[in-house]
Amino acid sequence: MRQVLLRSSSLAWIAYDDGNERLFVGFQNGTSYRYDGVPSGVVMAILFDSVSHGRAFDAKIRNGVYPFHKIDPSDYNLHV
């Protein structure tokens, strides 16, 4: 799983497990979450949003469609 660092005031990084459709997100405040059932197209839309990664994340993920869990990135071999 590859981690992508972001230039965002709210998001620090994301990583995606396409085999399990799991999106991992690290926030600038140090918290990290796993979102389940996220299609790859949604992840690509966040990554390639030309205006704001954070705004795209809010519109596509924070709308409550995907179940989420607070995580420790080291449990998933995510190096932050």
N, C-alpha and C. Protein backbone atom coordinates (compact mmCIF):
# COMPACT_ATOMS: atom_id res chain seq x y z
N MET A 1 0.85 -1.17 0.00
CA MET A 1 0.00 0.00 0.00
C MET A 1 0.90 1.24 0.00
N ARG A 2 0.62 2.14 -0.90
CA ARG A 2 1.44 3.34 -1.03
C ARG A 2 0.77 4.52 -0.36
N GLN A 3 1.55 5.23 0.40
CA GLN A 3 1.06 6.42 1.09
C GLN A 3 1.41 7.66 0.27
N VAL A 4 0.44 8.57 0.13
CA VAL A 4 0.64 9.80 -0.63
C VAL A 4 0.54 10.98 0.33
N LEU A 5 1.60 11.77 0.40
CA LEU A 5 1.58 12.98 1.22
C LEU A 5 0.84 14.06 0.46
N LEU A 6 0.04 14.85 1.17
CA LEU A 6 -0.79 15.87 0.53
C LEU A 6 -0.42 17.26 1.02
N ARG A 7 -0.62 18.24 0.16
CA ARG A 7 -0.50 19.64 0.56
C ARG A 7 -1.92 20.13 0.83
N SER A 8 -2.29 20.07 2.09
CA SER A 8 -3.65 20.40 2.49
C SER A 8 -3.63 20.92 3.91
N SER A 9 -4.51 21.83 4.22
CA SER A 9 -4.57 22.35 5.59
C SER A 9 -5.23 21.35 6.53
N SER A 10 -5.96 20.38 6.01
CA SER A 10 -6.63 19.41 6.87
C SER A 10 -6.09 17.99 6.73
N LEU A 11 -5.70 17.58 5.53
CA LEU A 11 -5.22 16.21 5.29
C LEU A 11 -3.71 16.18 5.18
N ALA A 12 -3.08 15.26 5.90
CA ALA A 12 -1.62 15.11 5.83
C ALA A 12 -1.24 14.07 4.78
N TRP A 13 -1.96 12.96 4.73
CA TRP A 13 -1.65 11.87 3.81
C TRP A 13 -2.87 10.98 3.61
N ILE A 14 -2.84 10.20 2.53
CA ILE A 14 -3.82 9.15 2.34
C ILE A 14 -3.10 7.92 1.78
N ALA A 15 -3.68 6.78 2.01
CA ALA A 15 -3.21 5.51 1.44
C ALA A 15 -4.46 4.71 1.09
N TYR A 16 -4.34 3.87 0.06
CA TYR A 16 -5.51 3.13 -0.39
C TYR A 16 -5.16 1.67 -0.61
N ASP A 17 -5.99 0.80 -0.05
CA ASP A 17 -5.88 -0.64 -0.23
C ASP A 17 -6.99 -1.03 -1.21
N ASP A 18 -6.65 -1.11 -2.50
CA ASP A 18 -7.68 -1.35 -3.50
C ASP A 18 -8.27 -2.75 -3.43
N GLY A 19 -7.52 -3.72 -2.95
CA GLY A 19 -8.05 -5.08 -2.82
C GLY A 19 -9.20 -5.18 -1.83
N ASN A 20 -9.16 -4.33 -0.81
CA ASN A 20 -10.19 -4.34 0.23
C ASN A 20 -11.04 -3.07 0.23
N GLU A 21 -10.79 -2.17 -0.71
CA GLU A 21 -11.48 -0.88 -0.79
C GLU A 21 -11.45 -0.14 0.54
N ARG A 22 -10.25 -0.02 1.09
CA ARG A 22 -10.05 0.71 2.35
C ARG A 22 -9.21 1.95 2.10
N LEU A 23 -9.73 3.08 2.54
CA LEU A 23 -9.01 4.34 2.45
C LEU A 23 -8.50 4.70 3.84
N PHE A 24 -7.21 4.97 3.92
CA PHE A 24 -6.58 5.39 5.16
C PHE A 24 -6.24 6.86 5.03
N VAL A 25 -6.60 7.63 6.05
CA VAL A 25 -6.40 9.08 6.00
C VAL A 25 -5.73 9.55 7.28
N GLY A 26 -4.67 10.33 7.12
CA GLY A 26 -4.02 10.98 8.25
C GLY A 26 -4.31 12.47 8.18
N PHE A 27 -4.75 13.01 9.28
CA PHE A 27 -5.09 14.43 9.33
C PHE A 27 -3.93 15.23 9.91
N GLN A 28 -3.92 16.50 9.61
CA GLN A 28 -2.87 17.39 10.10
C GLN A 28 -2.82 17.45 11.63
N ASN A 29 -3.95 17.17 12.29
CA ASN A 29 -3.96 17.20 13.76
C ASN A 29 -3.40 15.93 14.38
N GLY A 30 -2.94 14.98 13.55
CA GLY A 30 -2.29 13.77 14.06
C GLY A 30 -3.20 12.55 14.15
N THR A 31 -4.49 12.70 13.97
CA THR A 31 -5.39 11.55 14.02
C THR A 31 -5.42 10.86 12.66
N SER A 32 -5.72 9.56 12.69
CA SER A 32 -5.79 8.76 11.48
C SER A 32 -7.03 7.89 11.52
N TYR A 33 -7.63 7.68 10.34
CA TYR A 33 -8.86 6.90 10.23
C TYR A 33 -8.80 5.97 9.04
N ARG A 34 -9.55 4.87 9.14
CA ARG A 34 -9.75 3.95 8.03
C ARG A 34 -11.21 4.02 7.62
N TYR A 35 -11.44 4.18 6.32
CA TYR A 35 -12.80 4.23 5.76
C TYR A 35 -12.98 3.00 4.89
N ASP A 36 -14.05 2.25 5.12
CA ASP A 36 -14.27 0.98 4.42
C ASP A 36 -15.26 1.12 3.27
N GLY A 37 -15.02 0.33 2.22
CA GLY A 37 -15.94 0.29 1.09
C GLY A 37 -15.82 1.47 0.14
N VAL A 38 -14.67 2.12 0.12
CA VAL A 38 -14.49 3.31 -0.72
C VAL A 38 -13.98 2.87 -2.10
N PRO A 39 -14.75 3.15 -3.16
CA PRO A 39 -14.31 2.79 -4.51
C PRO A 39 -13.08 3.59 -4.93
N SER A 40 -12.28 3.00 -5.79
CA SER A 40 -11.05 3.66 -6.23
C SER A 40 -11.33 4.99 -6.94
N GLY A 41 -12.45 5.09 -7.64
CA GLY A 41 -12.78 6.34 -8.32
C GLY A 41 -12.96 7.50 -7.36
N VAL A 42 -13.47 7.23 -6.19
CA VAL A 42 -13.64 8.27 -5.17
C VAL A 42 -12.27 8.74 -4.68
N VAL A 43 -11.36 7.79 -4.47
CA VAL A 43 -10.01 8.12 -4.03
C VAL A 43 -9.30 8.97 -5.08
N MET A 44 -9.44 8.58 -6.35
CA MET A 44 -8.81 9.33 -7.43
C MET A 44 -9.37 10.75 -7.50
N ALA A 45 -10.66 10.90 -7.27
CA ALA A 45 -11.27 12.23 -7.30
C ALA A 45 -10.69 13.13 -6.21
N ILE A 46 -10.40 12.55 -5.05
CA ILE A 46 -9.79 13.32 -3.96
C ILE A 46 -8.36 13.70 -4.33
N LEU A 47 -7.61 12.73 -4.82
CA LEU A 47 -6.20 12.96 -5.16
C LEU A 47 -6.03 14.01 -6.26
N PHE A 48 -6.92 14.00 -7.23
CA PHE A 48 -6.74 14.86 -8.38
C PHE A 48 -7.65 16.08 -8.39
N ASP A 49 -8.25 16.39 -7.24
CA ASP A 49 -9.07 17.60 -7.16
C ASP A 49 -8.15 18.81 -7.32
N SER A 50 -8.46 19.68 -8.26
CA SER A 50 -7.58 20.81 -8.55
C SER A 50 -7.75 21.98 -7.59
N VAL A 51 -8.81 21.98 -6.80
CA VAL A 51 -9.06 23.09 -5.89
C VAL A 51 -8.59 22.77 -4.48
N SER A 52 -9.06 21.64 -3.92
CA SER A 52 -8.76 21.34 -2.52
C SER A 52 -8.98 19.86 -2.22
N HIS A 53 -7.91 19.19 -1.76
CA HIS A 53 -8.05 17.79 -1.34
C HIS A 53 -9.02 17.69 -0.17
N GLY A 54 -8.90 18.61 0.77
CA GLY A 54 -9.76 18.59 1.96
C GLY A 54 -11.23 18.78 1.62
N ARG A 55 -11.51 19.69 0.72
CA ARG A 55 -12.89 19.94 0.31
C ARG A 55 -13.46 18.72 -0.42
N ALA A 56 -12.65 18.10 -1.28
CA ALA A 56 -13.09 16.90 -1.98
C ALA A 56 -13.35 15.77 -0.99
N PHE A 57 -12.47 15.63 0.00
CA PHE A 57 -12.65 14.61 1.03
C PHE A 57 -13.96 14.85 1.79
N ASP A 58 -14.19 16.08 2.18
CA ASP A 58 -15.43 16.41 2.91
C ASP A 58 -16.67 16.06 2.09
N ALA A 59 -16.64 16.38 0.81
CA ALA A 59 -17.81 16.15 -0.04
C ALA A 59 -18.04 14.67 -0.34
N LYS A 60 -16.96 13.91 -0.48
CA LYS A 60 -17.09 12.53 -0.94
C LYS A 60 -17.02 11.48 0.17
N ILE A 61 -16.38 11.81 1.28
CA ILE A 61 -16.17 10.81 2.33
C ILE A 61 -16.91 11.18 3.62
N ARG A 62 -16.80 12.41 4.05
CA ARG A 62 -17.38 12.80 5.34
C ARG A 62 -18.90 12.91 5.33
N ASN A 63 -19.52 12.54 4.24
CA ASN A 63 -20.98 12.59 4.16
C ASN A 63 -21.64 11.42 4.89
N GLY A 64 -20.84 10.56 5.49
CA GLY A 64 -21.38 9.47 6.31
C GLY A 64 -21.72 8.20 5.56
N VAL A 65 -21.37 8.13 4.28
CA VAL A 65 -21.69 6.94 3.48
C VAL A 65 -20.80 5.76 3.86
N TYR A 66 -19.55 6.03 4.19
CA TYR A 66 -18.58 4.96 4.44
C TYR A 66 -18.33 4.79 5.94
N PRO A 67 -18.41 3.55 6.43
CA PRO A 67 -18.09 3.32 7.84
C PRO A 67 -16.60 3.62 8.08
N PHE A 68 -16.30 4.13 9.27
CA PHE A 68 -14.92 4.51 9.57
C PHE A 68 -14.55 4.13 10.99
N HIS A 69 -13.22 4.04 11.20
CA HIS A 69 -12.66 3.69 12.50
C HIS A 69 -11.39 4.48 12.71
N LYS A 70 -11.21 5.00 13.90
CA LYS A 70 -9.94 5.65 14.24
C LYS A 70 -8.89 4.56 14.33
N ILE A 71 -7.70 4.83 13.82
CA ILE A 71 -6.65 3.81 13.78
C ILE A 71 -5.32 4.35 14.27
N ASP A 72 -4.42 3.42 14.51
CA ASP A 72 -3.01 3.72 14.72
C ASP A 72 -2.32 3.30 13.42
N PRO A 73 -1.72 4.24 12.69
CA PRO A 73 -1.11 3.91 11.39
C PRO A 73 -0.10 2.76 11.45
N SER A 74 0.57 2.59 12.58
CA SER A 74 1.56 1.51 12.68
C SER A 74 0.89 0.13 12.63
N ASP A 75 -0.39 0.04 12.95
CA ASP A 75 -1.10 -1.23 12.86
C ASP A 75 -1.26 -1.69 11.41
N TYR A 76 -1.11 -0.78 10.47
CA TYR A 76 -1.30 -1.08 9.05
C TYR A 76 -0.03 -0.87 8.24
N ASN A 77 1.10 -0.79 8.92
CA ASN A 77 2.40 -0.56 8.26
C ASN A 77 2.41 0.72 7.44
N LEU A 78 1.72 1.73 7.93
CA LEU A 78 1.74 3.04 7.29
C LEU A 78 2.79 3.88 7.99
N HIS A 79 3.74 4.34 7.27
CA HIS A 79 4.85 5.11 7.85
C HIS A 79 4.58 6.59 7.67
N VAL A 80 4.31 7.25 8.78
CA VAL A 80 4.02 8.68 8.72
C VAL A 80 5.16 9.47 9.33
